[in-house]
């Protein structure tokens, strides 16, 4: 049985967004740290390659990887386990 994606109090689906780029070792490290925690919480992770979207590249540039919880930046470069755990705990 598939678990339903978590929702906020308004019933909107909650997910994490990981903004990455190809050939980025920090992106690989953040992905490896985030995915097991998100999976355990039943929270989907949507990945976006920053280099495929000029607007994202202009906004985030060299600041990737970036982990977003909804529209809120949780961390960049390295996973902030406390911020991620708090966000996942609020689901």
C-alpha atoms as a PDB file:
ATOM      1  CA  UNK A   1       0.000   0.000   0.000  1.00  0.00           C
ATOM      2  CA  UNK A   2       1.396   3.410  -0.985  1.00  0.00           C
ATOM      3  CA  UNK A   3       1.520   6.072   1.669  1.00  0.00           C
ATOM      4  CA  UNK A   4      -0.238   9.288   0.838  1.00  0.00           C
ATOM      5  CA  UNK A   5       1.968  12.365   0.447  1.00  0.00           C
ATOM      6  CA  UNK A   6       1.751  14.589   3.518  1.00  0.00           C
ATOM      7  CA  UNK A   7      -0.400  17.682   3.383  1.00  0.00           C
ATOM      8  CA  UNK A   8      -0.422  20.927   5.326  1.00  0.00           C
ATOM      9  CA  UNK A   9      -3.375  22.202   7.345  1.00  0.00           C
ATOM     10  CA  UNK A  10      -4.923  23.603   4.172  1.00  0.00           C
ATOM     11  CA  UNK A  11      -4.830  20.174   2.525  1.00  0.00           C
ATOM     12  CA  UNK A  12      -2.044  21.126   0.090  1.00  0.00           C
ATOM     13  CA  UNK A  13       0.497  18.438  -0.677  1.00  0.00           C
ATOM     14  CA  UNK A  14       3.838  19.025   1.057  1.00  0.00           C
ATOM     15  CA  UNK A  15       7.065  18.101  -0.645  1.00  0.00           C
ATOM     16  CA  UNK A  16      10.734  18.884  -0.566  1.00  0.00           C
ATOM     17  CA  UNK A  17      12.490  20.381  -3.558  1.00  0.00           C
ATOM     18  CA  UNK A  18      16.170  19.756  -4.083  1.00  0.00           C
ATOM     19  CA  UNK A  19      17.811  22.183  -6.495  1.00  0.00           C
ATOM     20  CA  UNK A  20      20.935  20.582  -7.943  1.00  0.00           C
ATOM     21  CA  UNK A  21      23.244  20.528 -10.915  1.00  0.00           C
ATOM     22  CA  UNK A  22      24.953  17.691 -12.732  1.00  0.00           C
ATOM     23  CA  UNK A  23      28.462  16.695 -11.667  1.00  0.00           C
ATOM     24  CA  UNK A  24      28.123  18.383  -8.270  1.00  0.00           C
ATOM     25  CA  UNK A  25      29.552  16.371  -5.383  1.00  0.00           C
ATOM     26  CA  UNK A  26      27.766  18.547  -2.804  1.00  0.00           C
ATOM     27  CA  UNK A  27      24.495  17.820  -4.596  1.00  0.00           C
ATOM     28  CA  UNK A  28      25.214  14.094  -4.433  1.00  0.00           C
ATOM     29  CA  UNK A  29      25.990  14.348  -0.720  1.00  0.00           C
ATOM     30  CA  UNK A  30      22.827  16.314   0.062  1.00  0.00           C
ATOM     31  CA  UNK A  31      20.680  13.925  -1.986  1.00  0.00           C
ATOM     32  CA  UNK A  32      22.140  10.945  -0.090  1.00  0.00           C
ATOM     33  CA  UNK A  33      21.418  12.619   3.253  1.00  0.00           C
ATOM     34  CA  UNK A  34      17.916  13.889   2.438  1.00  0.00           C
ATOM     35  CA  UNK A  35      16.316  10.978   0.593  1.00  0.00           C
ATOM     36  CA  UNK A  36      16.295   8.427   3.448  1.00  0.00           C
ATOM     37  CA  UNK A  37      14.864  10.957   5.921  1.00  0.00           C
ATOM     38  CA  UNK A  38      12.210  12.139   3.473  1.00  0.00           C
ATOM     39  CA  UNK A  39      11.274   8.575   2.549  1.00  0.00           C
ATOM     40  CA  UNK A  40      10.919   7.608   6.218  1.00  0.00           C
ATOM     41  CA  UNK A  41       8.536  10.561   6.672  1.00  0.00           C
ATOM     42  CA  UNK A  42       6.599   9.685   3.503  1.00  0.00           C
ATOM     43  CA  UNK A  43       7.545  13.006   1.963  1.00  0.00           C
ATOM     44  CA  UNK A  44       8.272  13.203  -1.773  1.00  0.00           C
ATOM     45  CA  UNK A  45      11.427  14.918  -2.995  1.00  0.00           C
ATOM     46  CA  UNK A  46      11.254  16.767  -6.302  1.00  0.00           C
ATOM     47  CA  UNK A  47      14.621  17.431  -7.945  1.00  0.00           C
ATOM     48  CA  UNK A  48      15.300  20.321 -10.304  1.00  0.00           C
ATOM     49  CA  UNK A  49      18.512  20.856 -12.254  1.00  0.00           C
ATOM     50  CA  UNK A  50      19.293  24.549 -11.814  1.00  0.00           C
ATOM     51  CA  UNK A  51      21.008  24.675 -15.225  1.00  0.00           C
ATOM     52  CA  UNK A  52      17.781  23.790 -17.075  1.00  0.00           C
ATOM     53  CA  UNK A  53      16.006  26.992 -16.061  1.00  0.00           C
ATOM     54  CA  UNK A  54      17.554  30.452 -16.549  1.00  0.00           C
ATOM     55  CA  UNK A  55      15.409  31.961 -13.774  1.00  0.00           C
ATOM     56  CA  UNK A  56      16.555  29.337 -11.274  1.00  0.00           C
ATOM     57  CA  UNK A  57      20.160  29.719 -12.378  1.00  0.00           C
ATOM     58  CA  UNK A  58      19.907  33.478 -11.916  1.00  0.00           C
ATOM     59  CA  UNK A  59      18.408  33.077  -8.449  1.00  0.00           C
ATOM     60  CA  UNK A  60      20.539  30.240  -7.063  1.00  0.00           C
ATOM     61  CA  UNK A  61      23.657  30.346  -9.267  1.00  0.00           C
ATOM     62  CA  UNK A  62      26.594  28.776  -7.466  1.00  0.00           C
ATOM     63  CA  UNK A  63      24.622  28.371  -4.236  1.00  0.00           C
ATOM     64  CA  UNK A  64      23.457  24.824  -5.038  1.00  0.00           C
ATOM     65  CA  UNK A  65      22.493  22.418  -3.715  1.00  0.00           C
ATOM     66  CA  UNK A  66      19.506  24.069  -2.106  1.00  0.00           C
ATOM     67  CA  UNK A  67      16.821  22.218  -0.176  1.00  0.00           C
ATOM     68  CA  UNK A  68      13.382  23.821  -0.088  1.00  0.00           C
ATOM     69  CA  UNK A  69      10.532  22.771   2.160  1.00  0.00           C
ATOM     70  CA  UNK A  70       7.572  24.132   0.264  1.00  0.00           C
ATOM     71  CA  UNK A  71       8.697  27.669  -0.598  1.00  0.00           C
ATOM     72  CA  UNK A  72      11.031  27.954   2.413  1.00  0.00           C
ATOM     73  CA  UNK A  73      14.783  27.438   2.066  1.00  0.00           C
ATOM     74  CA  UNK A  74      15.832  24.854   4.641  1.00  0.00           C
ATOM     75  CA  UNK A  75      19.527  24.773   3.775  1.00  0.00           C
ATOM     76  CA  UNK A  76      22.117  25.078   1.031  1.00  0.00           C
ATOM     77  CA  UNK A  77      25.518  23.506   0.315  1.00  0.00           C
ATOM     78  CA  UNK A  78      25.171  20.973   3.162  1.00  0.00           C
ATOM     79  CA  UNK A  79      22.093  19.458   4.762  1.00  0.00           C
ATOM     80  CA  UNK A  80      20.979  21.101   7.992  1.00  0.00           C
ATOM     81  CA  UNK A  81      19.612  18.026   9.760  1.00  0.00           C
ATOM     82  CA  UNK A  82      17.974  20.065  12.526  1.00  0.00           C
ATOM     83  CA  UNK A  83      16.071  22.264  10.038  1.00  0.00           C
ATOM     84  CA  UNK A  84      15.084  19.263   7.911  1.00  0.00           C
ATOM     85  CA  UNK A  85      13.962  17.230  10.924  1.00  0.00           C
ATOM     86  CA  UNK A  86      11.924  20.157  12.251  1.00  0.00           C
ATOM     87  CA  UNK A  87      10.262  20.659   8.862  1.00  0.00           C
ATOM     88  CA  UNK A  88       9.520  16.945   8.472  1.00  0.00           C
ATOM     89  CA  UNK A  89       8.242  16.850  12.048  1.00  0.00           C
ATOM     90  CA  UNK A  90       5.726  19.577  11.207  1.00  0.00           C
ATOM     91  CA  UNK A  91       4.061  17.406   8.564  1.00  0.00           C
END
